[in-house]
Amino acid sequence: MIKIVHITPLPNYKLHIKYNDGVEGNLDLSDLVGKGVFEKFNDVNYFNSVKIGEFGEPCWNNELDIDPLNTYLTITGKTFEEYKKLEIN
């Protein structure tokens, strides 16, 4: 099971995420800014307060989070099926 081991906010609403399997990369969240619950990202200080949540997810003040598997798939470009095959092996 993949887990986020380090997360760093970057300029322009990006996150640099490192996983326990050595994969790391940048995740661009700029397209979410100002939309629905992500309206809170309009405050860049709020966005920069990102931490690793209780379940290994990118989390903001324990009130807003993003699925860590989804971030992994986005960063690696893998499909869920490809990820499941990696987990089985």
PDB file of N, CA and C in Angstrom:
ATOM      1  N   MET A   1       0.842  -1.185   0.000  1.00  0.00           N
ATOM      2  CA  MET A   1       0.000   0.000   0.000  1.00  0.00           C
ATOM      3  C   MET A   1       0.888   1.250   0.000  1.00  0.00           C
ATOM      4  N   ILE A   2       0.593   2.144  -0.897  1.00  0.00           N
ATOM      5  CA  ILE A   2       1.388   3.370  -0.969  1.00  0.00           C
ATOM      6  C   ILE A   2       0.981   4.319   0.151  1.00  0.00           C
ATOM      7  N   LYS A   3       1.977   5.069   0.624  1.00  0.00           N
ATOM      8  CA  LYS A   3       1.731   6.086   1.649  1.00  0.00           C
ATOM      9  C   LYS A   3       2.556   7.313   1.326  1.00  0.00           C
ATOM     10  N   ILE A   4       1.992   8.456   1.586  1.00  0.00           N
ATOM     11  CA  ILE A   4       2.734   9.703   1.433  1.00  0.00           C
ATOM     12  C   ILE A   4       3.658   9.832   2.640  1.00  0.00           C
ATOM     13  N   VAL A   5       4.941  10.090   2.364  1.00  0.00           N
ATOM     14  CA  VAL A   5       5.898  10.249   3.458  1.00  0.00           C
ATOM     15  C   VAL A   5       6.372  11.692   3.609  1.00  0.00           C
ATOM     16  N   HIS A   6       6.160  12.490   2.567  1.00  0.00           N
ATOM     17  CA  HIS A   6       6.547  13.907   2.645  1.00  0.00           C
ATOM     18  C   HIS A   6       5.704  14.708   1.660  1.00  0.00           C
ATOM     19  N   ILE A   7       5.316  15.898   2.098  1.00  0.00           N
ATOM     20  CA  ILE A   7       4.525  16.771   1.229  1.00  0.00           C
ATOM     21  C   ILE A   7       4.965  18.215   1.441  1.00  0.00           C
ATOM     22  N   THR A   8       5.151  18.924   0.344  1.00  0.00           N
ATOM     23  CA  THR A   8       5.609  20.314   0.398  1.00  0.00           C
ATOM     24  C   THR A   8       4.756  21.159  -0.546  1.00  0.00           C
ATOM     25  N   PRO A   9       4.192  22.271  -0.049  1.00  0.00           N
ATOM     26  CA  PRO A   9       3.481  23.167  -0.961  1.00  0.00           C
ATOM     27  C   PRO A   9       4.477  23.929  -1.835  1.00  0.00           C
ATOM     28  N   LEU A  10       4.093  24.141  -3.076  1.00  0.00           N
ATOM     29  CA  LEU A  10       4.906  24.880  -4.039  1.00  0.00           C
ATOM     30  C   LEU A  10       4.102  26.072  -4.559  1.00  0.00           C
ATOM     31  N   PRO A  11       4.769  27.017  -5.207  1.00  0.00           N
ATOM     32  CA  PRO A  11       4.026  28.144  -5.791  1.00  0.00           C
ATOM     33  C   PRO A  11       2.996  27.662  -6.828  1.00  0.00           C
ATOM     34  N   ASN A  12       2.021  28.510  -7.079  1.00  0.00           N
ATOM     35  CA  ASN A  12       0.997  28.270  -8.101  1.00  0.00           C
ATOM     36  C   ASN A  12       0.131  27.050  -7.813  1.00  0.00           C
ATOM     37  N   TYR A  13      -0.138  26.812  -6.542  1.00  0.00           N
ATOM     38  CA  TYR A  13      -1.057  25.751  -6.103  1.00  0.00           C
ATOM     39  C   TYR A  13      -0.615  24.363  -6.551  1.00  0.00           C
ATOM     40  N   LYS A  14       0.657  24.092  -6.350  1.00  0.00           N
ATOM     41  CA  LYS A  14       1.195  22.766  -6.626  1.00  0.00           C
ATOM     42  C   LYS A  14       1.709  22.171  -5.319  1.00  0.00           C
ATOM     43  N   LEU A  15       1.739  20.846  -5.279  1.00  0.00           N
ATOM     44  CA  LEU A  15       2.297  20.121  -4.148  1.00  0.00           C
ATOM     45  C   LEU A  15       3.393  19.206  -4.660  1.00  0.00           C
ATOM     46  N   HIS A  16       4.485  19.137  -3.918  1.00  0.00           N
ATOM     47  CA  HIS A  16       5.494  18.117  -4.199  1.00  0.00           C
ATOM     48  C   HIS A  16       5.242  17.007  -3.196  1.00  0.00           C
ATOM     49  N   ILE A  17       4.994  15.785  -3.709  1.00  0.00           N
ATOM     50  CA  ILE A  17       4.631  14.654  -2.863  1.00  0.00           C
ATOM     51  C   ILE A  17       5.628  13.520  -3.077  1.00  0.00           C
ATOM     52  N   LYS A  18       6.078  12.930  -1.949  1.00  0.00           N
ATOM     53  CA  LYS A  18       6.957  11.769  -1.998  1.00  0.00           C
ATOM     54  C   LYS A  18       6.249  10.616  -1.299  1.00  0.00           C
ATOM     55  N   TYR A  19       6.320   9.429  -1.940  1.00  0.00           N
ATOM     56  CA  TYR A  19       5.648   8.228  -1.436  1.00  0.00           C
ATOM     57  C   TYR A  19       6.661   7.224  -0.891  1.00  0.00           C
ATOM     58  N   ASN A  20       6.174   6.285  -0.115  1.00  0.00           N
ATOM     59  CA  ASN A  20       7.038   5.303   0.527  1.00  0.00           C
ATOM     60  C   ASN A  20       7.695   4.329  -0.460  1.00  0.00           C
ATOM     61  N   ASP A  21       7.254   4.292  -1.707  1.00  0.00           N
ATOM     62  CA  ASP A  21       7.884   3.419  -2.702  1.00  0.00           C
ATOM     63  C   ASP A  21       8.955   4.152  -3.514  1.00  0.00           C
ATOM     64  N   GLY A  22       9.271   5.392  -3.119  1.00  0.00           N
ATOM     65  CA  GLY A  22      10.301   6.165  -3.806  1.00  0.00           C
ATOM     66  C   GLY A  22       9.772   7.086  -4.890  1.00  0.00           C
ATOM     67  N   VAL A  23       8.532   6.896  -5.307  1.00  0.00           N
ATOM     68  CA  VAL A  23       7.933   7.777  -6.312  1.00  0.00           C
ATOM     69  C   VAL A  23       7.754   9.164  -5.699  1.00  0.00           C
ATOM     70  N   GLU A  24       8.063  10.176  -6.480  1.00  0.00           N
ATOM     71  CA  GLU A  24       7.778  11.548  -6.065  1.00  0.00           C
ATOM     72  C   GLU A  24       7.502  12.385  -7.291  1.00  0.00           C
ATOM     73  N   GLY A  25       6.759  13.446  -7.076  1.00  0.00           N
ATOM     74  CA  GLY A  25       6.426  14.324  -8.188  1.00  0.00           C
ATOM     75  C   GLY A  25       5.558  15.468  -7.737  1.00  0.00           C
ATOM     76  N   ASN A  26       5.227  16.310  -8.693  1.00  0.00           N
ATOM     77  CA  ASN A  26       4.417  17.489  -8.411  1.00  0.00           C
ATOM     78  C   ASN A  26       2.980  17.276  -8.866  1.00  0.00           C
ATOM     79  N   LEU A  27       2.074  17.754  -8.044  1.00  0.00           N
ATOM     80  CA  LEU A  27       0.649  17.668  -8.325  1.00  0.00           C
ATOM     81  C   LEU A  27       0.119  19.082  -8.459  1.00  0.00           C
ATOM     82  N   ASP A  28      -0.457  19.404  -9.592  1.00  0.00           N
ATOM     83  CA  ASP A  28      -1.001  20.733  -9.860  1.00  0.00           C
ATOM     84  C   ASP A  28      -2.478  20.766  -9.464  1.00  0.00           C
ATOM     85  N   LEU A  29      -2.799  21.565  -8.467  1.00  0.00           N
ATOM     86  CA  LEU A  29      -4.186  21.697  -8.008  1.00  0.00           C
ATOM     87  C   LEU A  29      -4.796  23.037  -8.390  1.00  0.00           C
ATOM     88  N   SER A  30      -4.130  23.778  -9.252  1.00  0.00           N
ATOM     89  CA  SER A  30      -4.587  25.130  -9.595  1.00  0.00           C
ATOM     90  C   SER A  30      -5.970  25.139 -10.230  1.00  0.00           C
ATOM     91  N   ASP A  31      -6.348  24.055 -10.904  1.00  0.00           N
ATOM     92  CA  ASP A  31      -7.670  24.017 -11.537  1.00  0.00           C
ATOM     93  C   ASP A  31      -8.803  23.884 -10.516  1.00  0.00           C
ATOM     94  N   LEU A  32      -8.474  23.564  -9.265  1.00  0.00           N
ATOM     95  CA  LEU A  32      -9.496  23.434  -8.223  1.00  0.00           C
ATOM     96  C   LEU A  32      -9.753  24.725  -7.454  1.00  0.00           C
ATOM     97  N   VAL A  33      -8.812  25.655  -7.527  1.00  0.00           N
ATOM     98  CA  VAL A  33      -8.886  26.878  -6.727  1.00  0.00           C
ATOM     99  C   VAL A  33     -10.186  27.627  -6.993  1.00  0.00           C
ATOM    100  N   GLY A  34     -10.892  27.918  -5.899  1.00  0.00           N
ATOM    101  CA  GLY A  34     -12.115  28.700  -5.986  1.00  0.00           C
ATOM    102  C   GLY A  34     -13.362  27.907  -6.323  1.00  0.00           C
ATOM    103  N   LYS A  35     -13.224  26.594  -6.514  1.00  0.00           N
ATOM    104  CA  LYS A  35     -14.373  25.772  -6.903  1.00  0.00           C
ATOM    105  C   LYS A  35     -14.884  24.974  -5.705  1.00  0.00           C
ATOM    106  N   GLY A  36     -16.139  25.147  -5.363  1.00  0.00           N
ATOM    107  CA  GLY A  36     -16.758  24.377  -4.281  1.00  0.00           C
ATOM    108  C   GLY A  36     -15.982  24.478  -2.982  1.00  0.00           C
ATOM    109  N   VAL A  37     -15.695  23.317  -2.386  1.00  0.00           N
ATOM    110  CA  VAL A  37     -14.965  23.312  -1.113  1.00  0.00           C
ATOM    111  C   VAL A  37     -13.552  23.854  -1.267  1.00  0.00           C
ATOM    112  N   PHE A  38     -13.045  23.861  -2.494  1.00  0.00           N
ATOM    113  CA  PHE A  38     -11.693  24.362  -2.727  1.00  0.00           C
ATOM    114  C   PHE A  38     -11.643  25.882  -2.821  1.00  0.00           C
ATOM    115  N   GLU A  39     -12.749  26.547  -2.548  1.00  0.00           N
ATOM    116  CA  GLU A  39     -12.762  28.003  -2.458  1.00  0.00           C
ATOM    117  C   GLU A  39     -11.767  28.469  -1.392  1.00  0.00           C
ATOM    118  N   LYS A  40     -11.541  27.618  -0.402  1.00  0.00           N
ATOM    119  CA  LYS A  40     -10.599  27.956   0.669  1.00  0.00           C
ATOM    120  C   LYS A  40      -9.186  28.147   0.136  1.00  0.00           C
ATOM    121  N   PHE A  41      -8.878  27.556  -1.016  1.00  0.00           N
ATOM    122  CA  PHE A  41      -7.550  27.728  -1.613  1.00  0.00           C
ATOM    123  C   PHE A  41      -7.319  29.155  -2.114  1.00  0.00           C
ATOM    124  N   ASN A  42      -8.372  29.965  -2.187  1.00  0.00           N
ATOM    125  CA  ASN A  42      -8.183  31.369  -2.555  1.00  0.00           C
ATOM    126  C   ASN A  42      -7.224  32.049  -1.578  1.00  0.00           C
ATOM    127  N   ASP A  43      -7.163  31.533  -0.361  1.00  0.00           N
ATOM    128  CA  ASP A  43      -6.203  32.012   0.640  1.00  0.00           C
ATOM    129  C   ASP A  43      -4.947  31.150   0.510  1.00  0.00           C
ATOM    130  N   VAL A  44      -3.910  31.689  -0.090  1.00  0.00           N
ATOM    131  CA  VAL A  44      -2.693  30.920  -0.344  1.00  0.00           C
ATOM    132  C   VAL A  44      -2.075  30.414   0.953  1.00  0.00           C
ATOM    133  N   ASN A  45      -2.248  31.129   2.051  1.00  0.00           N
ATOM    134  CA  ASN A  45      -1.729  30.651   3.333  1.00  0.00           C
ATOM    135  C   ASN A  45      -2.449  29.377   3.766  1.00  0.00           C
ATOM    136  N   TYR A  46      -3.723  29.296   3.483  1.00  0.00           N
ATOM    137  CA  TYR A  46      -4.477  28.075   3.769  1.00  0.00           C
ATOM    138  C   TYR A  46      -3.922  26.925   2.933  1.00  0.00           C
ATOM    139  N   PHE A  47      -3.745  27.155   1.643  1.00  0.00           N
ATOM    140  CA  PHE A  47      -3.194  26.119   0.771  1.00  0.00           C
ATOM    141  C   PHE A  47      -1.827  25.654   1.273  1.00  0.00           C
ATOM    142  N   ASN A  48      -0.995  26.594   1.687  1.00  0.00           N
ATOM    143  CA  ASN A  48       0.357  26.271   2.141  1.00  0.00           C
ATOM    144  C   ASN A  48       0.388  25.555   3.489  1.00  0.00           C
ATOM    145  N   SER A  49      -0.742  25.466   4.167  1.00  0.00           N
ATOM    146  CA  SER A  49      -0.792  24.779   5.465  1.00  0.00           C
ATOM    147  C   SER A  49      -0.977  23.270   5.308  1.00  0.00           C
ATOM    148  N   VAL A  50      -0.852  22.741   4.104  1.00  0.00           N
ATOM    149  CA  VAL A  50      -1.059  21.313   3.834  1.00  0.00           C
ATOM    150  C   VAL A  50      -0.162  20.448   4.711  1.00  0.00           C
ATOM    151  N   LYS A  51      -0.714  19.338   5.161  1.00  0.00           N
ATOM    152  CA  LYS A  51       0.010  18.363   5.971  1.00  0.00           C
ATOM    153  C   LYS A  51      -0.437  16.965   5.540  1.00  0.00           C
ATOM    154  N   ILE A  52       0.254  15.961   6.056  1.00  0.00           N
ATOM    155  CA  ILE A  52      -0.178  14.583   5.836  1.00  0.00           C
ATOM    156  C   ILE A  52      -1.202  14.260   6.909  1.00  0.00           C
ATOM    157  N   GLY A  53      -2.403  13.884   6.490  1.00  0.00           N
ATOM    158  CA  GLY A  53      -3.489  13.610   7.416  1.00  0.00           C
ATOM    159  C   GLY A  53      -3.370  12.257   8.098  1.00  0.00           C
ATOM    160  N   GLU A  54      -4.308  11.997   8.945  1.00  0.00           N
ATOM    161  CA  GLU A  54      -4.354  10.777   9.758  1.00  0.00           C
ATOM    162  C   GLU A  54      -4.309   9.493   8.923  1.00  0.00           C
ATOM    163  N   PHE A  55      -4.870   9.543   7.733  1.00  0.00           N
ATOM    164  CA  PHE A  55      -4.925   8.363   6.871  1.00  0.00           C
ATOM    165  C   PHE A  55      -3.951   8.450   5.695  1.00  0.00           C
ATOM    166  N   GLY A  56      -2.971   9.339   5.797  1.00  0.00           N
ATOM    167  CA  GLY A  56      -1.948   9.473   4.762  1.00  0.00           C
ATOM    168  C   GLY A  56      -2.339  10.332   3.591  1.00  0.00           C
ATOM    169  N   GLU A  57      -3.358  11.122   3.738  1.00  0.00           N
ATOM    170  CA  GLU A  57      -3.853  11.965   2.659  1.00  0.00           C
ATOM    171  C   GLU A  57      -3.334  13.401   2.790  1.00  0.00           C
ATOM    172  N   PRO A  58      -3.202  14.128   1.654  1.00  0.00           N
ATOM    173  CA  PRO A  58      -2.942  15.559   1.762  1.00  0.00           C
ATOM    174  C   PRO A  58      -4.141  16.200   2.462  1.00  0.00           C
ATOM    175  N   CYS A  59      -3.881  16.957   3.502  1.00  0.00           N
ATOM    176  CA  CYS A  59      -4.953  17.443   4.363  1.00  0.00           C
ATOM    177  C   CYS A  59      -4.707  18.899   4.757  1.00  0.00           C
ATOM    178  N   TRP A  60      -5.785  19.649   4.843  1.00  0.00           N
ATOM    179  CA  TRP A  60      -5.736  21.044   5.271  1.00  0.00           C
ATOM    180  C   TRP A  60      -6.619  21.198   6.497  1.00  0.00           C
ATOM    181  N   ASN A  61      -6.006  21.452   7.637  1.00  0.00           N
ATOM    182  CA  ASN A  61      -6.708  21.708   8.907  1.00  0.00           C
ATOM    183  C   ASN A  61      -7.753  20.655   9.253  1.00  0.00           C
ATOM    184  N   ASN A  62      -7.524  19.413   8.883  1.00  0.00           N
ATOM    185  CA  ASN A  62      -8.460  18.309   9.168  1.00  0.00           C
ATOM    186  C   ASN A  62      -9.883  18.581   8.699  1.00  0.00           C
ATOM    187  N   GLU A  63     -10.032  19.458   7.695  1.00  0.00           N
ATOM    188  CA  GLU A  63     -11.368  19.758   7.183  1.00  0.00           C
ATOM    189  C   GLU A  63     -11.475  19.568   5.677  1.00  0.00           C
ATOM    190  N   LEU A  64     -10.354  19.469   5.003  1.00  0.00           N
ATOM    191  CA  LEU A  64     -10.341  19.323   3.551  1.00  0.00           C
ATOM    192  C   LEU A  64      -9.198  18.382   3.203  1.00  0.00           C
ATOM    193  N   ASP A  65      -9.476  17.386   2.381  1.00  0.00           N
ATOM    194  CA  ASP A  65      -8.414  16.457   2.003  1.00  0.00           C
ATOM    195  C   ASP A  65      -8.616  15.964   0.572  1.00  0.00           C
ATOM    196  N   ILE A  66      -7.576  15.298   0.070  1.00  0.00           N
ATOM    197  CA  ILE A  66      -7.599  14.726  -1.271  1.00  0.00           C
ATOM    198  C   ILE A  66      -7.138  13.282  -1.153  1.00  0.00           C
ATOM    199  N   ASP A  67      -7.782  12.395  -1.877  1.00  0.00           N
ATOM    200  CA  ASP A  67      -7.466  10.972  -1.835  1.00  0.00           C
ATOM    201  C   ASP A  67      -6.002  10.727  -2.231  1.00  0.00           C
ATOM    202  N   PRO A  68      -5.224  10.045  -1.367  1.00  0.00           N
ATOM    203  CA  PRO A  68      -3.808   9.831  -1.671  1.00  0.00           C
ATOM    204  C   PRO A  68      -3.575   8.884  -2.853  1.00  0.00           C
ATOM    205  N   LEU A  69      -4.460   7.923  -3.070  1.00  0.00           N
ATOM    206  CA  LEU A  69      -4.291   7.036  -4.223  1.00  0.00           C
ATOM    207  C   LEU A  69      -4.514   7.816  -5.518  1.00  0.00           C
ATOM    208  N   ASN A  70      -5.491   8.689  -5.507  1.00  0.00           N
ATOM    209  CA  ASN A  70      -5.754   9.514  -6.683  1.00  0.00           C
ATOM    210  C   ASN A  70      -4.545  10.399  -6.996  1.00  0.00           C
ATOM    211  N   THR A  71      -3.909  10.949  -5.967  1.00  0.00           N
ATOM    212  CA  THR A  71      -2.721  11.787  -6.206  1.00  0.00           C
ATOM    213  C   THR A  71      -1.600  10.938  -6.805  1.00  0.00           C
ATOM    214  N   TYR A  72      -1.452   9.719  -6.302  1.00  0.00           N
ATOM    215  CA  TYR A  72      -0.414   8.803  -6.797  1.00  0.00           C
ATOM    216  C   TYR A  72      -0.649   8.476  -8.267  1.00  0.00           C
ATOM    217  N   LEU A  73      -1.878   8.139  -8.606  1.00  0.00           N
ATOM    218  CA  LEU A  73      -2.204   7.807  -9.989  1.00  0.00           C
ATOM    219  C   LEU A  73      -1.974   8.997 -10.915  1.00  0.00           C
ATOM    220  N   THR A  74      -2.319  10.181 -10.449  1.00  0.00           N
ATOM    221  CA  THR A  74      -2.107  11.383 -11.257  1.00  0.00           C
ATOM    222  C   THR A  74      -0.623  11.632 -11.481  1.00  0.00           C
ATOM    223  N   ILE A  75       0.161  11.528 -10.429  1.00  0.00           N
ATOM    224  CA  ILE A  75       1.603  11.787 -10.538  1.00  0.00           C
ATOM    225  C   ILE A  75       2.295  10.740 -11.410  1.00  0.00           C
ATOM    226  N   THR A  76       1.933   9.483 -11.257  1.00  0.00           N
ATOM    227  CA  THR A  76       2.607   8.414 -12.016  1.00  0.00           C
ATOM    228  C   THR A  76       2.028   8.204 -13.411  1.00  0.00           C
ATOM    229  N   GLY A  77       0.807   8.687 -13.632  1.00  0.00           N
ATOM    230  CA  GLY A  77       0.158   8.464 -14.918  1.00  0.00           C
ATOM    231  C   GLY A  77      -0.388   7.050 -15.065  1.00  0.00           C
ATOM    232  N   LYS A  78      -0.444   6.306 -13.964  1.00  0.00           N
ATOM    233  CA  LYS A  78      -0.946   4.938 -13.993  1.00  0.00           C
ATOM    234  C   LYS A  78      -2.466   4.913 -13.841  1.00  0.00           C
ATOM    235  N   THR A  79      -3.062   3.850 -14.358  1.00  0.00           N
ATOM    236  CA  THR A  79      -4.481   3.624 -14.129  1.00  0.00           C
ATOM    237  C   THR A  79      -4.625   2.852 -12.817  1.00  0.00           C
ATOM    238  N   PHE A  80      -5.842   2.779 -12.307  1.00  0.00           N
ATOM    239  CA  PHE A  80      -6.086   2.017 -11.093  1.00  0.00           C
ATOM    240  C   PHE A  80      -5.741   0.544 -11.320  1.00  0.00           C
ATOM    241  N   GLU A  81      -6.062   0.028 -12.486  1.00  0.00           N
ATOM    242  CA  GLU A  81      -5.779  -1.365 -12.802  1.00  0.00           C
ATOM    243  C   GLU A  81      -4.277  -1.639 -12.798  1.00  0.00           C
ATOM    244  N   GLU A  82      -3.497  -0.717 -13.362  1.00  0.00           N
ATOM    245  CA  GLU A  82      -2.038  -0.872 -13.357  1.00  0.00           C
ATOM    246  C   GLU A  82      -1.497  -0.844 -11.930  1.00  0.00           C
ATOM    247  N   TYR A  83      -2.039   0.030 -11.110  1.00  0.00           N
ATOM    248  CA  TYR A  83      -1.630   0.119  -9.712  1.00  0.00           C
ATOM    249  C   TYR A  83      -1.935  -1.193  -8.978  1.00  0.00           C
ATOM    250  N   LYS A  84      -3.121  -1.746  -9.192  1.00  0.00           N
ATOM    251  CA  LYS A  84      -3.513  -2.989  -8.512  1.00  0.00           C
ATOM    252  C   LYS A  84      -2.568  -4.134  -8.908  1.00  0.00           C
ATOM    253  N   LYS A  85      -2.142  -4.175 -10.161  1.00  0.00           N
ATOM    254  CA  LYS A  85      -1.208  -5.210 -10.600  1.00  0.00           C
ATOM    255  C   LYS A  85       0.120  -5.069  -9.860  1.00  0.00           C
ATOM    256  N   LEU A  86       0.566  -3.848  -9.628  1.00  0.00           N
ATOM    257  CA  LEU A  86       1.807  -3.612  -8.887  1.00  0.00           C
ATOM    258  C   LEU A  86       1.667  -4.099  -7.455  1.00  0.00           C
ATOM    259  N   GLU A  87       0.524  -3.871  -6.844  1.00  0.00           N
ATOM    260  CA  GLU A  87       0.288  -4.294  -5.469  1.00  0.00           C
ATOM    261  C   GLU A  87       0.281  -5.812  -5.337  1.00  0.00           C
ATOM    262  N   ILE A  88      -0.223  -6.499  -6.345  1.00  0.00           N
ATOM    263  CA  ILE A  88      -0.315  -7.965  -6.304  1.00  0.00           C
ATOM    264  C   ILE A  88       1.080  -8.584  -6.397  1.00  0.00           C
ATOM    265  N   ASN A  89       1.930  -8.000  -7.221  1.00  0.00           N
ATOM    266  CA  ASN A  89       3.284  -8.562  -7.437  1.00  0.00           C
ATOM    267  C   ASN A  89       4.196  -8.278  -6.309  1.00  0.00           C
TER     268      ASN A  89
END
